[in-house]
Amino acid sequence: MKHEIAVTTPENLAEFWPGSYDLFSWLDYVVTIPGAVSLITTRKANGAPNACLHAWGLLVGDRDNYTSLLAMHDYFHTYANIVREGEWCVNYPSLEHYSQGFETINVNHDDNDEVTDAGLTVETAKRVQAPRIAECTISLECRLEWHRPLYEGSSWVLVAGKVVHVAVDETVMATDPAERMQAMRLIYNIRGLINPISGEANGYNSLGLLNEVVKAFDPRAQEG
């Protein structure tokens, strides 16, 4: 049986931490669709590498217009860097590097090299000035196309950039999807959980892997 859930935040719903439902919708903790974790790298005003652990991104496009679409808060250093520099890189770490990814939060200072200070390795990009991360098996170099608030008055902004170059490690180039996912070991962010009927809540985020890939259909065999 499906429950029909109103989108307005319940008045008696306890916050996980002060302001949690101002920064994130409470439904984020109900729907809990996992998001792939990436490290968004940009350049600071002094040219030093900036790294932002990120799980609100989308890759979409057609032909020669593959696009990185990011959602973030307008007070993030990453957003200011993107608007100023007009470019960034999307880097996908494996689970083995999750601790260094989270360390980028702790080493977030105005002038330092956050990639190196987090225990990762800066790699020079081919088409943009923003750095890549050597340990990440896939890196996409992006140039800003547009940015705008999610809605009027929102602190959330949407940022779209054209992918101008891609680097893929040979270890994750298998054509079998299960084999490739096992090699990439992508990290997925799984939100803390709210039962919208009982009000029971667990506010702790988790990390997960895609550990099963099932071939649902062969598009070449479909009629239409």
Protein backbone atom coordinates (compact mmCIF):
# COMPACT_ATOMS: atom_id res chain seq x y z
CA MET A 1 0.00 0.00 0.00
CA LYS A 2 1.29 3.44 -0.90
CA HIS A 3 1.01 6.35 1.52
CA GLU A 4 0.20 9.77 0.09
CA ILE A 5 2.54 12.31 1.67
CA ALA A 6 2.05 16.09 1.73
CA VAL A 7 5.20 18.03 0.83
CA THR A 8 4.90 20.64 3.60
CA THR A 9 7.35 20.06 6.45
CA PRO A 10 5.40 18.67 9.46
CA GLU A 11 5.39 21.15 12.34
CA ASN A 12 6.26 18.50 14.93
CA LEU A 13 9.15 17.00 12.94
CA ALA A 14 12.35 17.28 14.98
CA GLU A 15 15.42 18.67 13.21
CA PHE A 16 18.51 16.49 13.00
CA TRP A 17 20.60 19.59 13.70
CA PRO A 18 19.66 23.29 13.88
CA GLY A 19 18.61 24.53 10.45
CA SER A 20 18.67 21.09 8.79
CA TYR A 21 15.35 21.69 7.02
CA ASP A 22 16.40 25.18 5.98
CA LEU A 23 19.38 23.78 4.07
CA PHE A 24 17.71 20.57 2.86
CA SER A 25 14.12 19.59 2.22
CA TRP A 26 12.75 17.16 4.80
CA LEU A 27 11.65 15.01 1.85
CA ASP A 28 15.33 14.43 1.06
CA TYR A 29 15.27 12.19 4.16
CA VAL A 30 12.07 10.42 3.05
CA VAL A 31 12.78 9.74 -0.62
CA THR A 32 16.49 8.97 0.03
CA ILE A 33 17.53 8.28 -3.56
CA PRO A 34 21.31 7.63 -3.41
CA GLY A 35 23.52 10.18 -5.17
CA ALA A 36 26.94 9.43 -6.63
CA VAL A 37 29.71 11.17 -4.68
CA SER A 38 32.22 13.26 -6.60
CA LEU A 39 34.96 15.72 -5.79
CA ILE A 40 34.45 19.06 -7.53
CA THR A 41 37.78 20.80 -8.03
CA THR A 42 38.22 24.50 -8.78
CA ARG A 43 40.90 27.18 -8.42
CA LYS A 44 40.89 29.65 -5.56
CA ALA A 45 41.55 33.33 -6.16
CA ASN A 46 45.25 32.74 -5.43
CA GLY A 47 45.38 29.77 -7.85
CA ALA A 48 45.47 27.07 -5.15
CA PRO A 49 43.35 23.93 -5.67
CA ASN A 50 39.94 23.81 -3.99
CA ALA A 51 38.07 20.53 -3.49
CA CYS A 52 34.41 20.05 -2.58
CA LEU A 53 32.85 16.70 -1.66
CA HIS A 54 29.61 16.66 -3.63
CA ALA A 55 26.57 14.42 -4.16
CA TRP A 56 24.10 16.63 -6.03
CA GLY A 57 25.32 16.34 -9.60
CA LEU A 58 24.01 15.12 -12.95
CA LEU A 59 25.63 14.39 -16.30
CA VAL A 60 23.37 14.86 -19.31
CA GLY A 61 23.57 15.93 -22.93
CA ASP A 62 23.59 14.98 -26.59
CA ARG A 63 26.24 14.62 -29.29
CA ASP A 64 29.03 17.12 -28.53
CA ASN A 65 27.19 18.86 -25.70
CA TYR A 66 27.72 16.64 -22.68
CA THR A 67 26.92 18.78 -19.63
CA SER A 68 27.75 18.74 -15.93
CA LEU A 69 24.81 20.05 -13.90
CA LEU A 70 25.54 20.82 -10.24
CA ALA A 71 23.35 21.94 -7.36
CA MET A 72 24.99 23.71 -4.42
CA HIS A 73 24.54 26.59 -1.99
CA ASP A 74 25.44 30.06 -3.17
CA TYR A 75 27.77 30.67 -0.22
CA PHE A 76 30.03 27.71 -1.10
CA HIS A 77 33.62 28.56 -2.02
CA THR A 78 33.18 26.23 -5.00
CA TYR A 79 30.34 28.36 -6.38
CA ALA A 80 32.35 31.58 -6.02
CA ASN A 81 35.32 29.92 -7.73
CA ILE A 82 33.17 28.65 -10.61
CA VAL A 83 31.57 32.05 -11.21
CA ARG A 84 34.97 33.79 -11.10
CA GLU A 85 37.03 31.22 -13.06
CA GLY A 86 34.30 29.83 -15.33
CA GLU A 87 35.47 26.22 -15.01
CA TRP A 88 35.75 23.15 -12.81
CA CYS A 89 36.48 19.41 -12.85
CA VAL A 90 34.21 16.59 -11.69
CA ASN A 91 36.30 13.74 -10.24
CA TYR A 92 34.85 10.38 -9.16
CA PRO A 93 36.69 8.72 -6.23
CA SER A 94 36.41 5.06 -5.27
CA LEU A 95 35.41 3.88 -1.80
CA GLU A 96 39.09 3.39 -0.96
CA HIS A 97 39.52 7.17 -0.96
CA TYR A 98 36.41 8.19 0.97
CA SER A 99 38.42 9.27 4.03
CA GLN A 100 40.54 11.67 1.93
CA GLY A 101 37.34 12.94 0.31
CA PHE A 102 35.85 13.80 3.69
CA GLU A 103 39.15 15.32 4.77
CA THR A 104 38.63 18.03 2.13
CA ILE A 105 35.95 19.39 4.46
CA ASN A 106 38.40 19.70 7.36
CA VAL A 107 41.15 21.37 5.31
CA ASN A 108 38.85 23.97 3.80
CA HIS A 109 40.82 27.20 4.27
CA ASP A 110 41.14 30.36 2.22
CA ASP A 111 44.57 29.94 0.60
CA ASN A 112 45.74 26.33 0.97
CA ASP A 113 45.96 23.45 -1.51
CA GLU A 114 42.98 21.38 -0.31
CA VAL A 115 43.67 18.42 -2.61
CA THR A 116 47.21 17.87 -1.32
CA ASP A 117 46.31 18.68 2.30
CA ALA A 118 43.55 16.04 2.16
CA GLY A 119 46.07 13.38 1.13
CA LEU A 120 45.24 13.29 -2.59
CA THR A 121 47.32 14.18 -5.64
CA VAL A 122 46.85 17.20 -7.91
CA GLU A 123 46.81 16.31 -11.61
CA THR A 124 47.04 18.91 -14.38
CA ALA A 125 43.96 19.14 -16.58
CA LYS A 126 44.22 19.26 -20.39
CA ARG A 127 41.68 21.95 -21.34
CA VAL A 128 40.96 23.95 -18.16
CA GLN A 129 42.99 25.58 -15.39
CA ALA A 130 41.06 23.80 -12.63
CA PRO A 131 43.00 20.81 -11.28
CA ARG A 132 42.07 17.16 -11.56
CA ILE A 133 42.63 14.50 -8.87
CA ALA A 134 45.01 11.71 -9.88
CA GLU A 135 43.44 9.04 -7.64
CA CYS A 136 40.02 9.43 -9.29
CA THR A 137 39.48 7.01 -12.18
CA ILE A 138 37.22 9.42 -14.12
CA SER A 139 37.64 13.20 -14.37
CA LEU A 140 35.56 15.56 -16.48
CA GLU A 141 36.81 19.05 -17.33
CA CYS A 142 33.97 21.59 -17.55
CA ARG A 143 33.42 25.19 -18.67
CA LEU A 144 30.58 27.29 -17.28
CA GLU A 145 27.54 27.80 -19.51
CA TRP A 146 25.05 29.30 -17.04
CA HIS A 147 24.09 29.51 -13.37
CA ARG A 148 20.89 30.55 -11.63
CA PRO A 149 19.03 30.23 -8.27
CA LEU A 150 16.88 27.13 -7.89
CA TYR A 151 14.00 29.55 -7.30
CA GLU A 152 13.73 33.20 -6.33
CA GLY A 153 15.20 33.74 -2.88
CA SER A 154 16.73 30.26 -2.62
CA SER A 155 20.30 29.74 -1.39
CA TRP A 156 20.47 26.73 -3.72
CA VAL A 157 21.89 27.44 -7.17
CA LEU A 158 22.07 25.35 -10.34
CA VAL A 159 25.29 25.45 -12.35
CA ALA A 160 25.66 24.00 -15.84
CA GLY A 161 28.94 23.54 -17.67
CA LYS A 162 29.91 21.95 -20.95
CA VAL A 163 32.28 19.00 -20.63
CA VAL A 164 35.30 19.88 -22.77
CA HIS A 165 37.58 16.94 -21.95
CA VAL A 166 37.36 13.57 -20.18
CA ALA A 167 40.09 11.42 -18.61
CA VAL A 168 39.29 7.74 -17.91
CA ASP A 169 41.71 5.31 -16.29
CA GLU A 170 42.26 2.09 -18.23
CA THR A 171 41.32 0.05 -15.14
CA VAL A 172 37.65 1.11 -15.50
CA MET A 173 37.15 0.73 -19.25
CA ALA A 174 35.53 -2.73 -19.28
CA THR A 175 32.42 -2.91 -21.48
CA ASP A 176 30.61 -5.25 -19.08
CA PRO A 177 28.59 -2.99 -16.73
CA ALA A 178 29.00 -5.17 -13.65
CA GLU A 179 32.74 -5.47 -14.20
CA ARG A 180 33.08 -1.71 -14.67
CA MET A 181 31.05 -0.84 -11.56
CA GLN A 182 33.11 -3.30 -9.51
CA ALA A 183 36.30 -1.67 -10.75
CA MET A 184 35.11 1.91 -10.19
CA ARG A 185 33.67 1.27 -6.70
CA LEU A 186 31.77 4.54 -6.87
CA ILE A 187 30.65 5.99 -3.56
CA TYR A 188 26.93 6.69 -3.13
CA ASN A 189 25.59 9.09 -0.50
CA ILE A 190 22.53 7.68 1.28
CA ARG A 191 20.61 10.24 3.28
CA GLY A 192 19.56 9.85 6.88
CA LEU A 193 16.09 8.35 7.08
CA ILE A 194 12.67 9.55 8.18
CA ASN A 195 9.57 7.35 8.37
CA PRO A 196 6.94 9.94 7.35
CA ILE A 197 4.11 7.96 8.97
CA SER A 198 5.57 7.15 12.39
CA GLY A 199 7.98 10.10 12.56
CA GLU A 200 10.84 7.74 13.46
CA ALA A 201 14.13 9.19 12.23
CA ASN A 202 17.80 8.33 11.81
CA GLY A 203 19.73 11.43 10.85
CA TYR A 204 23.04 9.78 10.01
CA ASN A 205 24.11 9.64 6.39
CA SER A 206 25.59 6.40 5.07
CA LEU A 207 27.86 5.43 2.20
CA GLY A 208 27.14 2.60 -0.22
CA LEU A 209 28.31 0.82 -3.35
CA LEU A 210 26.46 -0.44 -6.40
CA ASN A 211 27.04 -4.10 -5.62
CA GLU A 212 24.64 -5.69 -8.11
CA VAL A 213 24.05 -4.91 -11.77
CA VAL A 214 21.25 -6.75 -13.56
CA LYS A 215 20.79 -6.72 -17.33
CA ALA A 216 17.12 -5.78 -17.64
CA PHE A 217 16.87 -5.66 -21.44
CA ASP A 218 18.89 -5.36 -24.63
CA PRO A 219 17.85 -2.13 -26.41
CA ARG A 220 18.95 -3.63 -29.72
CA ALA A 221 16.25 -6.29 -29.33
CA GLN A 222 13.43 -3.82 -28.73
CA GLU A 223 10.89 -3.15 -31.43
CA GLY A 224 9.50 0.30 -31.91
